[in-house]
Amino acid sequence: MKYQNGQGGFDAEADSSGKYQSTASRLEFYADDKGVNNDDVSYIDGRNASIKVSDDQGKQLGDDKSIAGNAPSDAITHDSGGRATVTGWYDGSTDAMKAGGAFMQSQLGTGNAYLHPDDDRNGAGSNPMTLAQDPSQKYTAEFGDA
């Protein structure tokens, strides 16, 4: 994956019907004004898939763990096809968000994906959850089970 200067967006895992859901796991990307491409993994809105992204220099973000099967019942929903989504922390305003965020943090730790609302306060240059590349690097992304 490679992006043009100023380009940004995200790739998200669709639900069982093939539709985007706002609680999806996301691989977010952007290119800064110096042409450096950046990726990060976000589960803050929810986790319906694991995402692992790596560069060709040995750095990796996200994970390939399947954790939804062990999630507490108050922190998980299922789409029409039965696929699980762990509730994301987002702003922590509901009990489900608190339970889902705490569960993901206990299973995944911190530092490899956006899990908590305060994570976005880290700048891209010092954020351990952001994978930046120079023009010679390539990213590989894999989506797995929630």
C-alpha atoms as a PDB file:
ATOM      1  CA  MET A   1       0.000   0.000   0.000  1.00  0.00           C
ATOM      2  CA  LYS A   2       1.236   3.452  -0.824  1.00  0.00           C
ATOM      3  CA  TYR A   3      -0.560   6.803  -0.702  1.00  0.00           C
ATOM      4  CA  GLN A   4      -0.175  10.189  -2.342  1.00  0.00           C
ATOM      5  CA  ASN A   5       0.738  13.274  -0.282  1.00  0.00           C
ATOM      6  CA  GLY A   6      -2.259  14.400   1.747  1.00  0.00           C
ATOM      7  CA  GLN A   7      -4.314  11.292   0.988  1.00  0.00           C
ATOM      8  CA  GLY A   8      -5.968   9.536   3.904  1.00  0.00           C
ATOM      9  CA  GLY A   9      -8.764   7.204   4.856  1.00  0.00           C
ATOM     10  CA  PHE A  10      -9.283   3.722   6.199  1.00  0.00           C
ATOM     11  CA  ASP A  11      -9.929   0.116   5.261  1.00  0.00           C
ATOM     12  CA  ALA A  12     -12.504  -1.674   7.410  1.00  0.00           C
ATOM     13  CA  GLU A  13     -13.733  -5.241   7.680  1.00  0.00           C
ATOM     14  CA  ALA A  14     -17.329  -5.516   6.401  1.00  0.00           C
ATOM     15  CA  ASP A  15     -20.055  -7.305   8.345  1.00  0.00           C
ATOM     16  CA  SER A  16     -21.445 -10.683   7.219  1.00  0.00           C
ATOM     17  CA  SER A  17     -23.720  -9.018   4.669  1.00  0.00           C
ATOM     18  CA  GLY A  18     -20.787  -7.187   3.090  1.00  0.00           C
ATOM     19  CA  LYS A  19     -21.772  -3.784   4.469  1.00  0.00           C
ATOM     20  CA  TYR A  20     -19.560  -1.362   6.349  1.00  0.00           C
ATOM     21  CA  GLN A  21     -20.396  -1.021  10.013  1.00  0.00           C
ATOM     22  CA  SER A  22     -19.349   1.902  12.184  1.00  0.00           C
ATOM     23  CA  THR A  23     -18.074  -0.502  14.862  1.00  0.00           C
ATOM     24  CA  ALA A  24     -15.613  -2.153  12.479  1.00  0.00           C
ATOM     25  CA  SER A  25     -11.921  -2.722  13.044  1.00  0.00           C
ATOM     26  CA  ARG A  26     -10.000  -0.232  10.915  1.00  0.00           C
ATOM     27  CA  LEU A  27      -6.657   0.086   9.214  1.00  0.00           C
ATOM     28  CA  GLU A  28      -6.261   3.858   8.982  1.00  0.00           C
ATOM     29  CA  PHE A  29      -3.825   5.510   6.595  1.00  0.00           C
ATOM     30  CA  TYR A  30      -2.562   8.904   5.581  1.00  0.00           C
ATOM     31  CA  ALA A  31       0.371  10.492   3.800  1.00  0.00           C
ATOM     32  CA  ASP A  32       1.927  13.549   5.379  1.00  0.00           C
ATOM     33  CA  ASP A  33       3.112  16.651   3.546  1.00  0.00           C
ATOM     34  CA  LYS A  34       6.646  15.221   3.336  1.00  0.00           C
ATOM     35  CA  GLY A  35       5.449  12.140   1.461  1.00  0.00           C
ATOM     36  CA  VAL A  36       5.830   9.751   4.398  1.00  0.00           C
ATOM     37  CA  ASN A  37       3.077   7.141   4.428  1.00  0.00           C
ATOM     38  CA  ASN A  38       1.580   6.145   7.783  1.00  0.00           C
ATOM     39  CA  ASP A  39      -0.705   3.343   8.943  1.00  0.00           C
ATOM     40  CA  ASP A  40      -2.291   2.535  12.264  1.00  0.00           C
ATOM     41  CA  VAL A  41      -4.693  -0.104  13.549  1.00  0.00           C
ATOM     42  CA  SER A  42      -7.824   1.115  15.359  1.00  0.00           C
ATOM     43  CA  TYR A  43     -10.229  -0.872  17.518  1.00  0.00           C
ATOM     44  CA  ILE A  44     -11.559   2.174  19.366  1.00  0.00           C
ATOM     45  CA  ASP A  45     -14.991   1.964  17.694  1.00  0.00           C
ATOM     46  CA  GLY A  46     -15.122  -1.824  17.960  1.00  0.00           C
ATOM     47  CA  ARG A  47     -13.394  -4.976  16.811  1.00  0.00           C
ATOM     48  CA  ASN A  48     -15.033  -7.246  14.264  1.00  0.00           C
ATOM     49  CA  ALA A  49     -11.680  -8.498  12.958  1.00  0.00           C
ATOM     50  CA  SER A  50      -8.078  -8.699  13.965  1.00  0.00           C
ATOM     51  CA  ILE A  51      -5.739  -6.602  11.840  1.00  0.00           C
ATOM     52  CA  LYS A  52      -2.016  -7.174  11.519  1.00  0.00           C
ATOM     53  CA  VAL A  53       0.065  -4.785   9.425  1.00  0.00           C
ATOM     54  CA  SER A  54       3.802  -5.036   8.894  1.00  0.00           C
ATOM     55  CA  ASP A  55       6.460  -3.316   6.868  1.00  0.00           C
ATOM     56  CA  ASP A  56       9.419  -4.886   5.109  1.00  0.00           C
ATOM     57  CA  GLN A  57      11.772  -3.600   7.836  1.00  0.00           C
ATOM     58  CA  GLY A  58      10.444  -5.941  10.551  1.00  0.00           C
ATOM     59  CA  LYS A  59       8.052  -3.581  12.341  1.00  0.00           C
ATOM     60  CA  GLN A  60       4.505  -4.783  13.053  1.00  0.00           C
ATOM     61  CA  LEU A  61       1.299  -3.279  14.442  1.00  0.00           C
ATOM     62  CA  GLY A  62      -2.008  -4.781  15.447  1.00  0.00           C
ATOM     63  CA  ASP A  63      -2.336  -8.510  16.002  1.00  0.00           C
ATOM     64  CA  ASP A  64      -3.666 -11.756  14.608  1.00  0.00           C
ATOM     65  CA  LYS A  65      -5.406 -12.996  17.763  1.00  0.00           C
ATOM     66  CA  SER A  66      -9.007 -14.184  17.891  1.00  0.00           C
ATOM     67  CA  ILE A  67     -10.363 -12.861  21.218  1.00  0.00           C
ATOM     68  CA  ALA A  68     -14.119 -12.435  20.710  1.00  0.00           C
ATOM     69  CA  GLY A  69     -14.921 -15.983  21.846  1.00  0.00           C
ATOM     70  CA  ASN A  70     -13.741 -15.111  25.355  1.00  0.00           C
ATOM     71  CA  ALA A  71     -15.349 -11.651  25.568  1.00  0.00           C
ATOM     72  CA  PRO A  72     -17.899 -10.981  28.304  1.00  0.00           C
ATOM     73  CA  SER A  73     -21.482 -11.143  27.020  1.00  0.00           C
ATOM     74  CA  ASP A  74     -22.118  -7.472  27.840  1.00  0.00           C
ATOM     75  CA  ALA A  75     -19.206  -6.428  25.599  1.00  0.00           C
ATOM     76  CA  ILE A  76     -20.101  -8.291  22.421  1.00  0.00           C
ATOM     77  CA  THR A  77     -22.718  -8.129  19.671  1.00  0.00           C
ATOM     78  CA  HIS A  78     -23.351 -10.322  16.629  1.00  0.00           C
ATOM     79  CA  ASP A  79     -24.337  -9.251  13.125  1.00  0.00           C
ATOM     80  CA  SER A  80     -26.993 -10.980  11.020  1.00  0.00           C
ATOM     81  CA  GLY A  81     -24.522 -13.677   9.983  1.00  0.00           C
ATOM     82  CA  GLY A  82     -23.445 -14.387  13.544  1.00  0.00           C
ATOM     83  CA  ARG A  83     -20.051 -12.681  13.299  1.00  0.00           C
ATOM     84  CA  ALA A  84     -18.911 -11.205  16.590  1.00  0.00           C
ATOM     85  CA  THR A  85     -17.971  -7.605  17.309  1.00  0.00           C
ATOM     86  CA  VAL A  86     -16.333  -6.608  20.584  1.00  0.00           C
ATOM     87  CA  THR A  87     -17.708  -3.223  21.655  1.00  0.00           C
ATOM     88  CA  GLY A  88     -15.115  -0.477  21.298  1.00  0.00           C
ATOM     89  CA  TRP A  89     -14.116   1.903  24.046  1.00  0.00           C
ATOM     90  CA  TYR A  90     -14.837   5.023  21.940  1.00  0.00           C
ATOM     91  CA  ASP A  91     -15.677   7.653  24.578  1.00  0.00           C
ATOM     92  CA  GLY A  92     -16.427   5.260  27.441  1.00  0.00           C
ATOM     93  CA  SER A  93     -19.926   6.674  27.901  1.00  0.00           C
ATOM     94  CA  THR A  94     -21.711   3.318  28.159  1.00  0.00           C
ATOM     95  CA  ASP A  95     -21.128   0.258  30.299  1.00  0.00           C
ATOM     96  CA  ALA A  96     -20.675  -1.845  27.133  1.00  0.00           C
ATOM     97  CA  MET A  97     -17.917   0.499  25.908  1.00  0.00           C
ATOM     98  CA  LYS A  98     -16.159   0.292  29.254  1.00  0.00           C
ATOM     99  CA  ALA A  99     -16.446  -3.511  29.321  1.00  0.00           C
ATOM    100  CA  GLY A 100     -15.328  -3.923  25.689  1.00  0.00           C
ATOM    101  CA  GLY A 101     -12.431  -1.502  26.012  1.00  0.00           C
ATOM    102  CA  ALA A 102     -11.217  -3.052  29.247  1.00  0.00           C
ATOM    103  CA  PHE A 103     -11.487  -6.552  27.754  1.00  0.00           C
ATOM    104  CA  MET A 104      -9.539  -5.619  24.622  1.00  0.00           C
ATOM    105  CA  GLN A 105      -6.881  -3.894  26.718  1.00  0.00           C
ATOM    106  CA  SER A 106      -6.531  -6.971  28.948  1.00  0.00           C
ATOM    107  CA  GLN A 107      -6.199  -9.264  25.909  1.00  0.00           C
ATOM    108  CA  LEU A 108      -4.115  -7.077  23.590  1.00  0.00           C
ATOM    109  CA  GLY A 109      -2.224  -4.718  25.859  1.00  0.00           C
ATOM    110  CA  THR A 110      -1.502  -1.204  24.665  1.00  0.00           C
ATOM    111  CA  GLY A 111       0.883   0.230  22.135  1.00  0.00           C
ATOM    112  CA  ASN A 112       0.051  -1.783  18.997  1.00  0.00           C
ATOM    113  CA  ALA A 113      -3.444  -0.463  18.219  1.00  0.00           C
ATOM    114  CA  TYR A 114      -5.769   2.371  19.164  1.00  0.00           C
ATOM    115  CA  LEU A 115      -7.888   1.067  22.023  1.00  0.00           C
ATOM    116  CA  HIS A 116      -8.497   3.985  24.383  1.00  0.00           C
ATOM    117  CA  PRO A 117      -9.836   7.511  23.710  1.00  0.00           C
ATOM    118  CA  ASP A 118      -6.613   9.085  25.002  1.00  0.00           C
ATOM    119  CA  ASP A 119      -4.476   7.217  22.460  1.00  0.00           C
ATOM    120  CA  ASP A 120      -4.976   9.900  19.819  1.00  0.00           C
ATOM    121  CA  ARG A 121      -3.128  12.449  21.958  1.00  0.00           C
ATOM    122  CA  ASN A 122       0.177  10.888  20.925  1.00  0.00           C
ATOM    123  CA  GLY A 123       1.679  12.580  17.889  1.00  0.00           C
ATOM    124  CA  ALA A 124       2.458  10.488  14.812  1.00  0.00           C
ATOM    125  CA  GLY A 125       6.202  10.873  15.343  1.00  0.00           C
ATOM    126  CA  SER A 126       6.089   9.490  18.885  1.00  0.00           C
ATOM    127  CA  ASN A 127       3.068   7.238  18.660  1.00  0.00           C
ATOM    128  CA  PRO A 128       4.036   3.561  18.982  1.00  0.00           C
ATOM    129  CA  MET A 129       0.749   2.627  17.270  1.00  0.00           C
ATOM    130  CA  THR A 130       1.659   4.371  14.005  1.00  0.00           C
ATOM    131  CA  LEU A 131       3.731   2.617  11.383  1.00  0.00           C
ATOM    132  CA  ALA A 132       5.522   5.121   9.156  1.00  0.00           C
ATOM    133  CA  GLN A 133       7.424   4.216   6.045  1.00  0.00           C
ATOM    134  CA  ASP A 134       9.877   5.865   3.738  1.00  0.00           C
ATOM    135  CA  PRO A 135       9.255   5.603  -0.010  1.00  0.00           C
ATOM    136  CA  SER A 136      11.192   2.328  -0.275  1.00  0.00           C
ATOM    137  CA  GLN A 137       9.086   0.388   2.272  1.00  0.00           C
ATOM    138  CA  LYS A 138       5.952  -1.654   1.631  1.00  0.00           C
ATOM    139  CA  TYR A 139       3.090  -2.568   3.952  1.00  0.00           C
ATOM    140  CA  THR A 140       1.359  -5.908   4.195  1.00  0.00           C
ATOM    141  CA  ALA A 141      -2.011  -6.069   5.965  1.00  0.00           C
ATOM    142  CA  GLU A 142      -3.926  -9.148   7.092  1.00  0.00           C
ATOM    143  CA  PHE A 143      -7.483  -9.294   8.448  1.00  0.00           C
ATOM    144  CA  GLY A 144      -8.533 -12.211  10.686  1.00  0.00           C
ATOM    145  CA  ASP A 145     -11.258 -13.181  13.161  1.00  0.00           C
ATOM    146  CA  ALA A 146     -12.401 -10.808  15.889  1.00  0.00           C
END
